[in-house]
Amino acid sequence: MFTGLITEVGTVTKIERGESSAIFTIKAPESVQGLTIGDSIAVNGTCLTATSLTASTFTADVMVQTLSLTSLAQLEVGSPINLELAAQMDMRMGGHIVQGHVDGTGTVIALTPGEKWAQFDITVPEHLTKYIVNQGSITLDGVSLTVGGIDDPSNTITLWLIPETLAKTNLSDKKAGDLINIEVDILAKYVERLISKGVARGE
């Protein structure tokens, strides 16, 4: 489990692509201090497993299914990536409950700088819009954010990014047309499941 609070922006240093998987080598000198082989780490919001470690890098295997369902397939050597170590139960829950299970990818419309914050507009897959509410939580490339506005006809959401978020994540590098990983609030999916089961039973 994660919280959506990015602990480090790492850099992809090597990508080895195979027929059904890829191996990513990621430079992350801060994160590797808290990693052991087999640990989970969120990479742009996608839960991966550290398979080897050096003093400043780790590797992770990425299966073809993950590459097809997330934006990780677009990463290149040199790409900055958001990283978060798995949450510890004795830490403050500063973001929200994040599983690292990407529900789909959205497309960046624009990142518009402002005097005190930046306006971030993205389109989301229509089937995910029912889980998104104004002022609710959403995870974008592993970053816990609050939805600032929703336009249902265009499946567009607007978020406001403060300077701290822009400085400590890779969201400041996003440009129109980029894909971005989306994980909706798990609580919304639980509620939907409970209601649908209750309706099916006539409750």
C-alpha atoms as a PDB file:
ATOM      1  CA  MET A   1       0.000   0.000   0.000  1.00  0.00           C
ATOM      2  CA  PHE A   2       1.101   3.563  -0.698  1.00  0.00           C
ATOM      3  CA  THR A   3      -0.047   7.078   0.195  1.00  0.00           C
ATOM      4  CA  GLY A   4       0.558   9.007  -3.015  1.00  0.00           C
ATOM      5  CA  LEU A   5       3.260  11.169  -1.440  1.00  0.00           C
ATOM      6  CA  ILE A   6       6.301  11.000  -3.713  1.00  0.00           C
ATOM      7  CA  THR A   7       9.568  10.367  -1.890  1.00  0.00           C
ATOM      8  CA  GLU A   8      11.933  10.843  -4.828  1.00  0.00           C
ATOM      9  CA  VAL A   9      12.003  11.598  -8.524  1.00  0.00           C
ATOM     10  CA  GLY A  10      14.252   8.951 -10.053  1.00  0.00           C
ATOM     11  CA  THR A  11      15.664   8.583 -13.557  1.00  0.00           C
ATOM     12  CA  VAL A  12      15.445   5.679 -15.988  1.00  0.00           C
ATOM     13  CA  THR A  13      19.012   4.707 -16.875  1.00  0.00           C
ATOM     14  CA  LYS A  14      18.442   1.512 -18.859  1.00  0.00           C
ATOM     15  CA  ILE A  15      15.576  -0.384 -20.487  1.00  0.00           C
ATOM     16  CA  GLU A  16      15.940  -3.967 -21.662  1.00  0.00           C
ATOM     17  CA  ARG A  17      12.913  -4.973 -23.712  1.00  0.00           C
ATOM     18  CA  GLY A  18      11.925  -8.569 -24.364  1.00  0.00           C
ATOM     19  CA  GLU A  19       9.001 -10.185 -26.162  1.00  0.00           C
ATOM     20  CA  SER A  20       6.758 -10.299 -23.106  1.00  0.00           C
ATOM     21  CA  SER A  21       8.465  -8.079 -20.556  1.00  0.00           C
ATOM     22  CA  ALA A  22      10.980  -5.345 -19.920  1.00  0.00           C
ATOM     23  CA  ILE A  23      13.600  -4.715 -17.264  1.00  0.00           C
ATOM     24  CA  PHE A  24      13.925  -1.135 -16.066  1.00  0.00           C
ATOM     25  CA  THR A  25      17.025   0.126 -14.298  1.00  0.00           C
ATOM     26  CA  ILE A  26      16.245   3.220 -12.258  1.00  0.00           C
ATOM     27  CA  LYS A  27      18.629   5.634 -10.564  1.00  0.00           C
ATOM     28  CA  ALA A  28      17.175   6.403  -7.151  1.00  0.00           C
ATOM     29  CA  PRO A  29      19.902   7.010  -4.548  1.00  0.00           C
ATOM     30  CA  GLU A  30      17.450   7.969  -1.794  1.00  0.00           C
ATOM     31  CA  SER A  31      14.901   5.203  -2.394  1.00  0.00           C
ATOM     32  CA  VAL A  32      17.410   2.345  -2.538  1.00  0.00           C
ATOM     33  CA  GLN A  33      18.409   3.100   1.048  1.00  0.00           C
ATOM     34  CA  GLY A  34      14.994   1.842   2.138  1.00  0.00           C
ATOM     35  CA  LEU A  35      14.705  -1.038  -0.330  1.00  0.00           C
ATOM     36  CA  THR A  36      15.558  -4.715  -0.171  1.00  0.00           C
ATOM     37  CA  ILE A  37      15.183  -7.187  -3.026  1.00  0.00           C
ATOM     38  CA  GLY A  38      11.542  -8.241  -3.261  1.00  0.00           C
ATOM     39  CA  ASP A  39      10.159  -4.997  -1.843  1.00  0.00           C
ATOM     40  CA  SER A  40       7.343  -3.135  -3.569  1.00  0.00           C
ATOM     41  CA  ILE A  41       7.929   0.346  -4.923  1.00  0.00           C
ATOM     42  CA  ALA A  42       5.534   2.594  -6.826  1.00  0.00           C
ATOM     43  CA  VAL A  43       6.958   3.741 -10.165  1.00  0.00           C
ATOM     44  CA  ASN A  44       4.779   6.478 -11.656  1.00  0.00           C
ATOM     45  CA  GLY A  45       1.994   4.995  -9.569  1.00  0.00           C
ATOM     46  CA  THR A  46       2.543   1.416 -10.717  1.00  0.00           C
ATOM     47  CA  CYS A  47       3.431  -1.113  -8.032  1.00  0.00           C
ATOM     48  CA  LEU A  48       6.615  -2.934  -9.081  1.00  0.00           C
ATOM     49  CA  THR A  49       9.054  -5.235  -7.278  1.00  0.00           C
ATOM     50  CA  ALA A  50      12.728  -4.461  -6.817  1.00  0.00           C
ATOM     51  CA  THR A  51      14.688  -7.358  -8.340  1.00  0.00           C
ATOM     52  CA  SER A  52      18.264  -6.142  -7.819  1.00  0.00           C
ATOM     53  CA  LEU A  53      20.005  -3.271  -6.051  1.00  0.00           C
ATOM     54  CA  THR A  54      23.204  -1.250  -6.196  1.00  0.00           C
ATOM     55  CA  ALA A  55      24.246   1.723  -4.064  1.00  0.00           C
ATOM     56  CA  SER A  56      22.210   4.076  -6.246  1.00  0.00           C
ATOM     57  CA  THR A  57      19.994   2.017  -8.577  1.00  0.00           C
ATOM     58  CA  PHE A  58      17.412  -0.727  -8.591  1.00  0.00           C
ATOM     59  CA  THR A  59      15.899  -2.892 -11.307  1.00  0.00           C
ATOM     60  CA  ALA A  60      12.309  -3.996 -11.763  1.00  0.00           C
ATOM     61  CA  ASP A  61      10.696  -6.439 -14.179  1.00  0.00           C
ATOM     62  CA  VAL A  62       7.648  -5.118 -16.007  1.00  0.00           C
ATOM     63  CA  MET A  63       5.285  -7.642 -17.594  1.00  0.00           C
ATOM     64  CA  VAL A  64       3.666  -7.068 -20.994  1.00  0.00           C
ATOM     65  CA  GLN A  65       0.238  -6.652 -19.371  1.00  0.00           C
ATOM     66  CA  THR A  66       1.571  -3.822 -17.225  1.00  0.00           C
ATOM     67  CA  LEU A  67       3.193  -2.182 -20.239  1.00  0.00           C
ATOM     68  CA  SER A  68      -0.082  -2.340 -22.173  1.00  0.00           C
ATOM     69  CA  LEU A  69      -2.241  -0.933 -19.353  1.00  0.00           C
ATOM     70  CA  THR A  70      -0.001   1.860 -18.076  1.00  0.00           C
ATOM     71  CA  SER A  71       2.133   4.688 -19.387  1.00  0.00           C
ATOM     72  CA  LEU A  72       5.357   2.846 -18.506  1.00  0.00           C
ATOM     73  CA  ALA A  73       5.689   1.706 -22.120  1.00  0.00           C
ATOM     74  CA  GLN A  74       6.379   5.339 -23.068  1.00  0.00           C
ATOM     75  CA  LEU A  75       9.348   5.692 -20.723  1.00  0.00           C
ATOM     76  CA  GLU A  76      12.750   6.239 -22.272  1.00  0.00           C
ATOM     77  CA  VAL A  77      16.280   6.377 -20.923  1.00  0.00           C
ATOM     78  CA  GLY A  78      16.493   9.705 -19.114  1.00  0.00           C
ATOM     79  CA  SER A  79      12.782   9.890 -18.247  1.00  0.00           C
ATOM     80  CA  PRO A  80      12.078  11.285 -14.771  1.00  0.00           C
ATOM     81  CA  ILE A  81       9.773   9.059 -12.725  1.00  0.00           C
ATOM     82  CA  ASN A  82       7.869   9.454  -9.481  1.00  0.00           C
ATOM     83  CA  LEU A  83       8.875   6.953  -6.792  1.00  0.00           C
ATOM     84  CA  GLU A  84       7.308   5.996  -3.488  1.00  0.00           C
ATOM     85  CA  LEU A  85       8.340   3.282  -1.076  1.00  0.00           C
ATOM     86  CA  ALA A  86       5.572   1.154   0.407  1.00  0.00           C
ATOM     87  CA  ALA A  87       3.853   2.763   3.397  1.00  0.00           C
ATOM     88  CA  GLN A  88       4.747   1.779   6.942  1.00  0.00           C
ATOM     89  CA  MET A  89       1.907   1.416   9.407  1.00  0.00           C
ATOM     90  CA  ASP A  90       3.545   3.747  11.937  1.00  0.00           C
ATOM     91  CA  MET A  91       3.757   6.677   9.527  1.00  0.00           C
ATOM     92  CA  ARG A  92       1.365   9.596   9.029  1.00  0.00           C
ATOM     93  CA  MET A  93      -1.215   9.022   6.278  1.00  0.00           C
ATOM     94  CA  GLY A  94      -0.611  12.297   4.482  1.00  0.00           C
ATOM     95  CA  GLY A  95      -2.176  11.391   1.124  1.00  0.00           C
ATOM     96  CA  HIS A  96      -4.854   8.719   0.664  1.00  0.00           C
ATOM     97  CA  ILE A  97      -4.975   4.948   0.263  1.00  0.00           C
ATOM     98  CA  VAL A  98      -3.132   4.069  -2.958  1.00  0.00           C
ATOM     99  CA  GLN A  99      -2.677   0.479  -4.103  1.00  0.00           C
ATOM    100  CA  GLY A 100      -0.358   1.008  -7.041  1.00  0.00           C
ATOM    101  CA  HIS A 101      -2.871  -0.763  -9.290  1.00  0.00           C
ATOM    102  CA  VAL A 102      -3.355   1.510 -12.296  1.00  0.00           C
ATOM    103  CA  ASP A 103      -6.974   1.666 -13.482  1.00  0.00           C
ATOM    104  CA  GLY A 104      -6.210   3.282 -16.825  1.00  0.00           C
ATOM    105  CA  THR A 105      -4.346   6.077 -18.550  1.00  0.00           C
ATOM    106  CA  GLY A 106      -5.461   9.628 -19.176  1.00  0.00           C
ATOM    107  CA  THR A 107      -4.154  12.191 -21.633  1.00  0.00           C
ATOM    108  CA  VAL A 108      -2.707  15.528 -20.628  1.00  0.00           C
ATOM    109  CA  ILE A 109      -4.530  18.461 -22.204  1.00  0.00           C
ATOM    110  CA  ALA A 110      -2.499  21.270 -20.707  1.00  0.00           C
ATOM    111  CA  LEU A 111      -0.390  22.355 -17.766  1.00  0.00           C
ATOM    112  CA  THR A 112      -0.960  26.085 -17.421  1.00  0.00           C
ATOM    113  CA  PRO A 113       1.291  28.034 -15.012  1.00  0.00           C
ATOM    114  CA  GLY A 114      -0.326  30.530 -12.650  1.00  0.00           C
ATOM    115  CA  GLU A 115       0.884  33.021 -10.071  1.00  0.00           C
ATOM    116  CA  LYS A 116       0.572  30.624  -7.104  1.00  0.00           C
ATOM    117  CA  TRP A 117      -0.368  27.307  -8.684  1.00  0.00           C
ATOM    118  CA  ALA A 118      -0.642  25.583 -12.060  1.00  0.00           C
ATOM    119  CA  GLN A 119      -3.843  24.398 -13.692  1.00  0.00           C
ATOM    120  CA  PHE A 120      -3.596  20.772 -14.802  1.00  0.00           C
ATOM    121  CA  ASP A 121      -6.246  19.500 -17.230  1.00  0.00           C
ATOM    122  CA  ILE A 122      -6.476  15.881 -18.366  1.00  0.00           C
ATOM    123  CA  THR A 123      -8.989  13.661 -20.093  1.00  0.00           C
ATOM    124  CA  VAL A 124      -9.855  10.391 -18.388  1.00  0.00           C
ATOM    125  CA  PRO A 125     -11.368   7.179 -19.784  1.00  0.00           C
ATOM    126  CA  GLU A 126     -15.159   7.414 -19.670  1.00  0.00           C
ATOM    127  CA  HIS A 127     -15.531   4.212 -17.644  1.00  0.00           C
ATOM    128  CA  LEU A 128     -13.505   5.759 -14.811  1.00  0.00           C
ATOM    129  CA  THR A 129     -15.410   9.031 -14.547  1.00  0.00           C
ATOM    130  CA  LYS A 130     -18.084   7.515 -12.273  1.00  0.00           C
ATOM    131  CA  TYR A 131     -15.427   7.035  -9.586  1.00  0.00           C
ATOM    132  CA  ILE A 132     -14.257  10.658  -9.694  1.00  0.00           C
ATOM    133  CA  VAL A 133     -15.938  13.361  -7.629  1.00  0.00           C
ATOM    134  CA  ASN A 134     -15.216  17.034  -7.164  1.00  0.00           C
ATOM    135  CA  GLN A 135     -12.892  17.549  -4.170  1.00  0.00           C
ATOM    136  CA  GLY A 136     -12.278  13.785  -4.095  1.00  0.00           C
ATOM    137  CA  SER A 137      -8.937  11.982  -4.208  1.00  0.00           C
ATOM    138  CA  ILE A 138      -7.250  10.697  -7.347  1.00  0.00           C
ATOM    139  CA  THR A 139      -3.757   9.378  -8.076  1.00  0.00           C
ATOM    140  CA  LEU A 140      -1.918  10.610 -11.176  1.00  0.00           C
ATOM    141  CA  ASP A 141       1.449   8.993 -11.929  1.00  0.00           C
ATOM    142  CA  GLY A 142       1.559   8.013  -8.269  1.00  0.00           C
ATOM    143  CA  VAL A 143       0.799  11.490  -6.905  1.00  0.00           C
ATOM    144  CA  SER A 144      -2.131  11.873  -4.501  1.00  0.00           C
ATOM    145  CA  LEU A 145      -4.155  14.861  -5.699  1.00  0.00           C
ATOM    146  CA  THR A 146      -7.530  16.492  -5.126  1.00  0.00           C
ATOM    147  CA  VAL A 147      -9.934  16.914  -8.040  1.00  0.00           C
ATOM    148  CA  GLY A 148     -10.670  20.600  -8.548  1.00  0.00           C
ATOM    149  CA  GLY A 149     -13.303  20.342 -11.259  1.00  0.00           C
ATOM    150  CA  ILE A 150     -15.046  17.879 -13.554  1.00  0.00           C
ATOM    151  CA  ASP A 151     -16.508  18.370 -17.026  1.00  0.00           C
ATOM    152  CA  ASP A 152     -18.568  15.249 -17.704  1.00  0.00           C
ATOM    153  CA  PRO A 153     -19.412  15.911 -21.389  1.00  0.00           C
ATOM    154  CA  SER A 154     -15.706  15.951 -22.286  1.00  0.00           C
ATOM    155  CA  ASN A 155     -14.505  13.495 -19.588  1.00  0.00           C
ATOM    156  CA  THR A 156     -12.086  16.176 -18.430  1.00  0.00           C
ATOM    157  CA  ILE A 157     -10.870  16.863 -14.918  1.00  0.00           C
ATOM    158  CA  THR A 158      -9.009  19.894 -13.630  1.00  0.00           C
ATOM    159  CA  LEU A 159      -6.527  19.892 -10.784  1.00  0.00           C
ATOM    160  CA  TRP A 160      -4.525  22.675  -9.187  1.00  0.00           C
ATOM    161  CA  LEU A 161      -0.854  21.944  -8.540  1.00  0.00           C
ATOM    162  CA  ILE A 162       0.992  23.884  -5.872  1.00  0.00           C
ATOM    163  CA  PRO A 163       4.691  24.763  -6.287  1.00  0.00           C
ATOM    164  CA  GLU A 164       5.674  22.020  -3.799  1.00  0.00           C
ATOM    165  CA  THR A 165       4.013  19.359  -5.957  1.00  0.00           C
ATOM    166  CA  LEU A 166       5.621  20.702  -9.116  1.00  0.00           C
ATOM    167  CA  ALA A 167       9.054  20.812  -7.459  1.00  0.00           C
ATOM    168  CA  LYS A 168       8.978  17.315  -5.962  1.00  0.00           C
ATOM    169  CA  THR A 169       7.306  15.273  -8.719  1.00  0.00           C
ATOM    170  CA  ASN A 170       7.626  14.821 -12.469  1.00  0.00           C
ATOM    171  CA  LEU A 171       4.274  16.483 -13.154  1.00  0.00           C
ATOM    172  CA  SER A 172       6.038  19.745 -14.047  1.00  0.00           C
ATOM    173  CA  ASP A 173       7.471  17.937 -17.100  1.00  0.00           C
ATOM    174  CA  LYS A 174       4.077  16.927 -18.490  1.00  0.00           C
ATOM    175  CA  LYS A 175       3.000  18.325 -21.824  1.00  0.00           C
ATOM    176  CA  ALA A 176      -0.094  18.088 -24.003  1.00  0.00           C
ATOM    177  CA  GLY A 177      -0.584  14.593 -25.387  1.00  0.00           C
ATOM    178  CA  ASP A 178       1.387  12.767 -22.688  1.00  0.00           C
ATOM    179  CA  LEU A 179      -0.210   9.692 -21.167  1.00  0.00           C
ATOM    180  CA  ILE A 180      -0.576   9.627 -17.396  1.00  0.00           C
ATOM    181  CA  ASN A 181      -1.384   6.739 -15.068  1.00  0.00           C
ATOM    182  CA  ILE A 182      -4.671   6.990 -13.184  1.00  0.00           C
ATOM    183  CA  GLU A 183      -5.724   5.167 -10.041  1.00  0.00           C
ATOM    184  CA  VAL A 184      -9.165   6.132  -8.766  1.00  0.00           C
ATOM    185  CA  ASP A 185     -10.123   6.052  -5.103  1.00  0.00           C
ATOM    186  CA  ILE A 186     -10.428   2.423  -3.979  1.00  0.00           C
ATOM    187  CA  LEU A 187     -13.235   3.384  -1.591  1.00  0.00           C
ATOM    188  CA  ALA A 188     -15.440   4.373  -4.534  1.00  0.00           C
ATOM    189  CA  LYS A 189     -14.966   0.935  -6.093  1.00  0.00           C
ATOM    190  CA  TYR A 190     -15.822  -0.820  -2.841  1.00  0.00           C
ATOM    191  CA  VAL A 191     -19.018   1.234  -2.506  1.00  0.00           C
ATOM    192  CA  GLU A 192     -20.013   0.401  -6.082  1.00  0.00           C
ATOM    193  CA  ARG A 193     -19.444  -3.302  -5.450  1.00  0.00           C
ATOM    194  CA  LEU A 194     -21.468  -3.314  -2.234  1.00  0.00           C
ATOM    195  CA  ILE A 195     -24.367  -1.446  -3.818  1.00  0.00           C
ATOM    196  CA  SER A 196     -24.437  -3.641  -6.925  1.00  0.00           C
ATOM    197  CA  LYS A 197     -24.460  -6.806  -4.821  1.00  0.00           C
ATOM    198  CA  GLY A 198     -27.229  -5.407  -2.635  1.00  0.00           C
ATOM    199  CA  VAL A 199     -29.351  -4.507  -5.645  1.00  0.00           C
ATOM    200  CA  ALA A 200     -28.825  -7.949  -7.139  1.00  0.00           C
ATOM    201  CA  ARG A 201     -30.164  -9.499  -3.939  1.00  0.00           C
ATOM    202  CA  GLY A 202     -33.065  -7.067  -3.789  1.00  0.00           C
ATOM    203  CA  GLU A 203     -31.791  -5.294  -0.694  1.00  0.00           C
END
